[in-house]
N, C-alpha and C. Protein backbone atom coordinates (compact mmCIF):
# COMPACT_ATOMS: atom_id res chain seq x y z
N MET A 1 47.83 244.12 -68.28
CA MET A 1 47.07 243.04 -68.90
C MET A 1 47.53 241.74 -68.26
N SER A 2 46.58 240.92 -67.93
CA SER A 2 46.93 239.64 -67.31
C SER A 2 47.56 238.70 -68.34
N GLU A 3 48.29 237.73 -67.87
CA GLU A 3 48.96 236.77 -68.76
C GLU A 3 47.94 236.03 -69.62
N GLU A 4 46.82 235.65 -69.02
CA GLU A 4 45.78 234.92 -69.76
C GLU A 4 45.16 235.80 -70.86
N ASP A 5 44.88 237.07 -70.53
CA ASP A 5 44.33 237.99 -71.52
C ASP A 5 45.34 238.26 -72.64
N TYR A 6 46.62 238.36 -72.27
CA TYR A 6 47.64 238.59 -73.28
C TYR A 6 47.72 237.42 -74.26
N GLN A 7 47.65 236.21 -73.76
CA GLN A 7 47.68 235.03 -74.63
C GLN A 7 46.45 235.00 -75.53
N ASP A 8 45.28 235.34 -74.98
CA ASP A 8 44.06 235.41 -75.79
C ASP A 8 44.18 236.49 -76.86
N PHE A 9 44.79 237.62 -76.50
CA PHE A 9 45.01 238.71 -77.45
C PHE A 9 45.91 238.26 -78.59
N GLU A 10 47.04 237.65 -78.25
CA GLU A 10 47.98 237.16 -79.27
C GLU A 10 47.31 236.15 -80.19
N GLU A 11 46.51 235.27 -79.63
CA GLU A 11 45.81 234.26 -80.43
C GLU A 11 44.81 234.93 -81.38
N ALA A 12 44.08 235.90 -80.89
CA ALA A 12 43.09 236.60 -81.71
C ALA A 12 43.77 237.33 -82.87
N VAL A 13 44.88 238.00 -82.58
CA VAL A 13 45.60 238.74 -83.63
C VAL A 13 46.17 237.78 -84.66
N SER A 14 46.75 236.67 -84.21
CA SER A 14 47.36 235.72 -85.15
C SER A 14 46.32 235.04 -86.04
N LYS A 15 45.10 234.88 -85.53
CA LYS A 15 44.04 234.24 -86.32
C LYS A 15 43.21 235.25 -87.11
N GLY A 16 43.56 236.53 -87.02
CA GLY A 16 42.87 237.55 -87.80
C GLY A 16 41.55 238.01 -87.21
N ARG A 17 41.28 237.67 -85.96
CA ARG A 17 40.05 238.12 -85.31
C ARG A 17 40.27 239.49 -84.69
N ASP A 18 39.17 240.15 -84.36
CA ASP A 18 39.23 241.47 -83.76
C ASP A 18 39.32 241.36 -82.24
N PRO A 19 40.45 241.72 -81.62
CA PRO A 19 40.61 241.55 -80.17
C PRO A 19 40.10 242.74 -79.35
N ARG A 20 39.26 243.60 -79.93
CA ARG A 20 38.79 244.78 -79.20
C ARG A 20 38.06 244.42 -77.91
N ALA A 21 37.32 243.32 -77.93
CA ALA A 21 36.58 242.92 -76.72
C ALA A 21 37.54 242.64 -75.57
N LEU A 22 38.69 242.07 -75.87
CA LEU A 22 39.69 241.79 -74.83
C LEU A 22 40.30 243.08 -74.28
N LEU A 23 40.45 244.07 -75.15
CA LEU A 23 41.10 245.31 -74.75
C LEU A 23 40.15 246.28 -74.06
N SER A 24 38.85 246.08 -74.21
CA SER A 24 37.89 247.06 -73.69
C SER A 24 38.01 247.27 -72.19
N LYS A 25 38.38 246.25 -71.44
CA LYS A 25 38.50 246.44 -69.99
C LYS A 25 39.80 247.12 -69.59
N TYR A 26 40.73 247.30 -70.52
CA TYR A 26 42.00 247.95 -70.22
C TYR A 26 42.11 249.36 -70.79
N LEU A 27 41.17 249.75 -71.66
CA LEU A 27 41.22 251.06 -72.29
C LEU A 27 40.08 251.93 -71.79
N SER A 28 40.34 253.24 -71.75
CA SER A 28 39.25 254.16 -71.43
C SER A 28 38.34 254.26 -72.66
N LYS A 29 37.18 254.86 -72.48
CA LYS A 29 36.24 255.00 -73.59
C LYS A 29 36.88 255.79 -74.73
N ARG A 30 37.61 256.85 -74.39
CA ARG A 30 38.25 257.70 -75.41
C ARG A 30 39.34 256.91 -76.15
N GLU A 31 40.13 256.15 -75.43
CA GLU A 31 41.18 255.35 -76.07
C GLU A 31 40.58 254.29 -76.99
N ALA A 32 39.50 253.68 -76.55
CA ALA A 32 38.85 252.65 -77.36
C ALA A 32 38.28 253.24 -78.64
N GLU A 33 37.75 254.47 -78.59
CA GLU A 33 37.21 255.12 -79.78
C GLU A 33 38.31 255.40 -80.79
N ASN A 34 39.49 255.76 -80.31
CA ASN A 34 40.60 256.12 -81.20
C ASN A 34 41.41 254.92 -81.67
N LEU A 35 41.08 253.74 -81.20
CA LEU A 35 41.80 252.54 -81.59
C LEU A 35 41.54 252.25 -83.06
N GLU A 36 42.59 252.25 -83.86
CA GLU A 36 42.43 252.08 -85.30
C GLU A 36 42.87 250.70 -85.78
N SER A 37 44.00 250.25 -85.31
CA SER A 37 44.51 248.98 -85.79
C SER A 37 45.52 248.43 -84.79
N PHE A 38 45.95 247.22 -85.05
CA PHE A 38 46.95 246.57 -84.20
C PHE A 38 48.18 246.34 -85.05
N SER A 39 49.30 246.81 -84.57
CA SER A 39 50.53 246.71 -85.34
C SER A 39 51.67 246.34 -84.41
N LYS A 40 52.58 245.55 -84.92
CA LYS A 40 53.76 245.19 -84.12
C LYS A 40 54.85 246.24 -84.29
N GLU A 41 54.60 247.23 -85.14
CA GLU A 41 55.55 248.31 -85.36
C GLU A 41 55.68 249.14 -84.08
N GLU A 42 56.90 249.57 -83.79
CA GLU A 42 57.14 250.35 -82.57
C GLU A 42 56.38 251.66 -82.62
N GLN A 43 55.73 252.00 -81.52
CA GLN A 43 54.94 253.23 -81.41
C GLN A 43 55.63 254.20 -80.45
N ILE A 44 55.47 255.48 -80.73
CA ILE A 44 56.02 256.52 -79.88
C ILE A 44 54.86 257.38 -79.40
N ALA A 45 54.86 257.72 -78.13
CA ALA A 45 53.78 258.54 -77.56
C ALA A 45 54.16 260.01 -77.65
N LEU A 46 53.27 260.80 -78.23
CA LEU A 46 53.42 262.25 -78.26
C LEU A 46 52.41 262.84 -77.29
N LYS A 47 52.88 263.66 -76.37
CA LYS A 47 51.96 264.36 -75.47
C LYS A 47 51.68 265.72 -76.07
N THR A 48 50.42 266.08 -76.10
CA THR A 48 50.02 267.36 -76.66
C THR A 48 48.93 267.97 -75.79
N TRP A 49 48.74 269.26 -75.93
CA TRP A 49 47.70 269.97 -75.20
C TRP A 49 46.65 270.43 -76.19
N VAL A 50 45.38 270.26 -75.82
CA VAL A 50 44.27 270.66 -76.68
C VAL A 50 43.44 271.67 -75.90
N ARG A 51 43.12 272.79 -76.57
CA ARG A 51 42.28 273.81 -75.94
C ARG A 51 40.83 273.54 -76.30
N THR A 52 39.97 273.48 -75.30
CA THR A 52 38.55 273.24 -75.53
C THR A 52 37.86 274.55 -75.91
N LYS A 53 36.59 274.46 -76.30
CA LYS A 53 35.83 275.66 -76.65
C LYS A 53 35.72 276.61 -75.46
N SER A 54 35.67 276.06 -74.27
CA SER A 54 35.55 276.90 -73.07
C SER A 54 36.90 277.48 -72.63
N GLY A 55 37.98 277.09 -73.29
CA GLY A 55 39.29 277.65 -72.98
C GLY A 55 40.16 276.79 -72.09
N ARG A 56 39.63 275.67 -71.62
CA ARG A 56 40.45 274.79 -70.77
C ARG A 56 41.49 274.07 -71.62
N LEU A 57 42.60 273.72 -71.01
CA LEU A 57 43.63 272.94 -71.69
C LEU A 57 43.58 271.51 -71.18
N LEU A 58 43.55 270.57 -72.11
CA LEU A 58 43.54 269.15 -71.76
C LEU A 58 44.76 268.49 -72.36
N GLU A 59 45.44 267.67 -71.57
CA GLU A 59 46.59 266.93 -72.08
C GLU A 59 46.09 265.65 -72.76
N ARG A 60 46.58 265.38 -73.95
CA ARG A 60 46.21 264.17 -74.69
C ARG A 60 47.49 263.48 -75.14
N VAL A 61 47.40 262.17 -75.29
CA VAL A 61 48.52 261.37 -75.78
C VAL A 61 48.12 260.78 -77.12
N VAL A 62 48.99 260.97 -78.12
CA VAL A 62 48.76 260.44 -79.46
C VAL A 62 49.92 259.50 -79.77
N TYR A 63 49.62 258.32 -80.26
CA TYR A 63 50.66 257.35 -80.59
C TYR A 63 50.92 257.38 -82.09
N ILE A 64 52.20 257.49 -82.45
CA ILE A 64 52.59 257.49 -83.86
C ILE A 64 53.68 256.44 -84.06
N SER A 65 53.86 256.05 -85.31
CA SER A 65 54.89 255.05 -85.61
C SER A 65 56.27 255.70 -85.62
N ARG A 66 57.28 254.88 -85.53
CA ARG A 66 58.66 255.37 -85.57
C ARG A 66 58.93 256.09 -86.90
N LYS A 67 58.38 255.56 -88.01
CA LYS A 67 58.58 256.19 -89.33
C LYS A 67 57.99 257.59 -89.36
N GLU A 68 56.78 257.75 -88.80
CA GLU A 68 56.15 259.07 -88.76
C GLU A 68 56.96 260.02 -87.88
N HIS A 69 57.48 259.52 -86.78
CA HIS A 69 58.29 260.34 -85.88
C HIS A 69 59.55 260.83 -86.58
N GLU A 70 60.21 259.94 -87.30
CA GLU A 70 61.41 260.33 -88.05
C GLU A 70 61.07 261.35 -89.13
N ALA A 71 59.93 261.19 -89.81
CA ALA A 71 59.51 262.14 -90.84
C ALA A 71 59.23 263.52 -90.24
N ILE A 72 58.66 263.56 -89.05
CA ILE A 72 58.42 264.83 -88.37
C ILE A 72 59.75 265.49 -88.02
N LYS A 73 60.70 264.71 -87.50
CA LYS A 73 62.01 265.26 -87.13
C LYS A 73 62.75 265.79 -88.35
N ARG A 74 62.60 265.13 -89.50
CA ARG A 74 63.25 265.59 -90.73
C ARG A 74 62.54 266.79 -91.35
N GLY A 75 61.28 267.00 -90.97
CA GLY A 75 60.50 268.11 -91.53
C GLY A 75 59.67 267.70 -92.73
N ASP A 76 59.58 266.41 -93.02
CA ASP A 76 58.80 265.93 -94.16
C ASP A 76 57.31 265.82 -93.84
N LEU A 77 56.96 265.80 -92.57
CA LEU A 77 55.57 265.60 -92.15
C LEU A 77 55.23 266.65 -91.10
N ASP A 78 54.04 267.25 -91.24
CA ASP A 78 53.59 268.28 -90.32
C ASP A 78 52.95 267.63 -89.09
N ALA A 79 53.50 267.89 -87.92
CA ALA A 79 53.00 267.28 -86.68
C ALA A 79 51.59 267.73 -86.36
N THR A 80 51.28 269.00 -86.60
CA THR A 80 49.95 269.52 -86.29
C THR A 80 48.87 268.80 -87.08
N SER A 81 49.09 268.62 -88.37
CA SER A 81 48.08 267.95 -89.19
C SER A 81 47.94 266.48 -88.78
N LEU A 82 49.03 265.84 -88.42
CA LEU A 82 48.98 264.45 -87.98
C LEU A 82 48.19 264.31 -86.68
N ILE A 83 48.43 265.22 -85.75
CA ILE A 83 47.70 265.19 -84.47
C ILE A 83 46.22 265.46 -84.70
N ARG A 84 45.90 266.43 -85.56
CA ARG A 84 44.49 266.72 -85.86
C ARG A 84 43.81 265.48 -86.45
N GLU A 85 44.50 264.80 -87.34
CA GLU A 85 43.94 263.60 -87.98
C GLU A 85 43.71 262.50 -86.96
N ARG A 86 44.67 262.27 -86.10
CA ARG A 86 44.57 261.18 -85.12
C ARG A 86 43.53 261.47 -84.04
N MET A 87 43.39 262.73 -83.67
CA MET A 87 42.45 263.08 -82.61
C MET A 87 41.08 263.48 -83.16
N LYS A 88 40.94 263.51 -84.47
CA LYS A 88 39.69 263.89 -85.13
C LYS A 88 39.24 265.28 -84.67
N LEU A 89 40.17 266.24 -84.73
CA LEU A 89 39.87 267.61 -84.32
C LEU A 89 39.37 268.42 -85.51
N LYS A 90 38.55 269.42 -85.21
CA LYS A 90 38.08 270.33 -86.25
C LYS A 90 39.18 271.33 -86.54
N LYS A 91 39.20 271.85 -87.76
CA LYS A 91 40.21 272.85 -88.13
C LYS A 91 39.82 274.18 -87.67
């Protein structure tokens, strides 16, 4: 992200505006669809593999918060259900 776009992004977030238009040129269509909110909370990337109906395997990245990551490590939260929810997968 360019310095100018980053400053515009920070300004939009601080004023409560939706900065999606600024991010659209930096995100793929799939990433933009999955964009839910903007948070200053630290995010952790989980890499996962998804099997398509035709049997192909696709690698996907899901971002979760540090709190969710700690809950998964403790066993309080099911990683599979969290990934399904974030990726909007069918059961």
